[in-house]
């Protein structure tokens, strides 16, 4: 049996509740408007990259790249300054 590597979420409060996610796994976040999906996604991608040097990909069908970067910057997560 192959050992599954677990990656911490690096999201405040979540790592104490779950053990993490399978490394290389696909994580799909679903929920109603205003339930925190974007904040979760931004936090997971940003802190995973900054704290754990883990690669990540954020895909949205409803928001532009600039909109995403502006939203993240408003939360104190500067993808532009950190990664180009």
Protein backbone atom coordinates (compact mmCIF):
# COMPACT_ATOMS: atom_id res chain seq x y z
CA UNK A 1 0.00 0.00 0.00
CA UNK A 2 1.38 3.41 -1.02
CA UNK A 3 1.76 6.02 1.71
CA UNK A 4 -0.30 9.19 1.12
CA UNK A 5 1.59 12.41 1.86
CA UNK A 6 -0.52 14.99 3.67
CA UNK A 7 -0.18 18.74 3.19
CA UNK A 8 -1.42 21.10 5.91
CA UNK A 9 -4.02 23.66 4.86
CA UNK A 10 -2.08 26.57 6.41
CA UNK A 11 -5.46 28.21 7.01
CA UNK A 12 -5.95 29.67 10.49
CA UNK A 13 -8.19 27.38 12.52
CA UNK A 14 -8.53 24.67 9.88
CA UNK A 15 -5.33 22.72 10.58
CA UNK A 16 -6.57 22.02 14.11
CA UNK A 17 -9.77 20.50 12.73
CA UNK A 18 -8.53 18.39 9.81
CA UNK A 19 -5.27 16.54 9.29
CA UNK A 20 -4.66 18.14 5.88
CA UNK A 21 -5.10 17.26 2.22
CA UNK A 22 -3.48 14.55 0.08
CA UNK A 23 -0.45 16.02 -1.69
CA UNK A 24 -1.16 16.42 -5.39
CA UNK A 25 -4.89 15.98 -4.84
CA UNK A 26 -7.65 18.01 -6.40
CA UNK A 27 -9.62 20.09 -3.90
CA UNK A 28 -13.00 21.36 -5.00
CA UNK A 29 -14.66 23.93 -2.76
CA UNK A 30 -18.42 24.34 -3.12
CA UNK A 31 -20.91 26.43 -1.22
CA UNK A 32 -23.45 29.20 -1.32
CA UNK A 33 -22.66 32.85 -1.95
CA UNK A 34 -20.86 34.43 1.00
CA UNK A 35 -19.81 31.19 2.73
CA UNK A 36 -16.07 31.93 2.46
CA UNK A 37 -15.03 29.84 -0.55
CA UNK A 38 -12.85 32.55 -2.07
CA UNK A 39 -11.22 33.46 1.25
CA UNK A 40 -10.48 29.78 1.84
CA UNK A 41 -9.02 29.37 -1.65
CA UNK A 42 -6.91 32.52 -1.45
CA UNK A 43 -5.59 31.55 2.00
CA UNK A 44 -4.85 27.96 1.01
CA UNK A 45 -2.94 28.93 -2.13
CA UNK A 46 -1.08 31.87 -0.58
CA UNK A 47 0.00 30.33 2.73
CA UNK A 48 0.70 26.98 1.12
CA UNK A 49 3.11 28.73 -1.25
CA UNK A 50 4.66 31.09 1.31
CA UNK A 51 4.83 28.80 4.37
CA UNK A 52 5.26 25.38 2.78
CA UNK A 53 6.61 26.14 -0.73
CA UNK A 54 3.76 24.04 -2.16
CA UNK A 55 2.55 24.75 -5.70
CA UNK A 56 -1.09 25.62 -6.20
CA UNK A 57 -3.59 26.65 -8.82
CA UNK A 58 -6.71 28.76 -8.27
CA UNK A 59 -9.36 28.62 -10.99
CA UNK A 60 -12.50 30.73 -11.07
CA UNK A 61 -15.10 30.89 -13.79
CA UNK A 62 -16.61 34.10 -12.40
CA UNK A 63 -13.72 36.38 -11.49
CA UNK A 64 -10.90 37.97 -13.47
CA UNK A 65 -7.26 37.51 -12.59
CA UNK A 66 -7.02 41.17 -11.58
CA UNK A 67 -10.13 40.81 -9.42
CA UNK A 68 -8.60 37.83 -7.66
CA UNK A 69 -5.29 39.65 -7.08
CA UNK A 70 -7.07 42.76 -5.79
CA UNK A 71 -9.22 40.67 -3.42
CA UNK A 72 -6.16 38.83 -2.10
CA UNK A 73 -4.25 42.08 -1.66
CA UNK A 74 -7.16 43.44 0.39
CA UNK A 75 -6.68 40.47 2.73
CA UNK A 76 -2.96 41.22 3.07
CA UNK A 77 -1.84 38.52 0.64
CA UNK A 78 0.27 40.14 -2.06
CA UNK A 79 0.68 37.65 -4.90
CA UNK A 80 2.07 40.35 -7.18
CA UNK A 81 4.93 41.31 -4.87
CA UNK A 82 5.68 37.75 -3.85
CA UNK A 83 5.54 36.05 -7.23
CA UNK A 84 5.89 38.64 -9.94
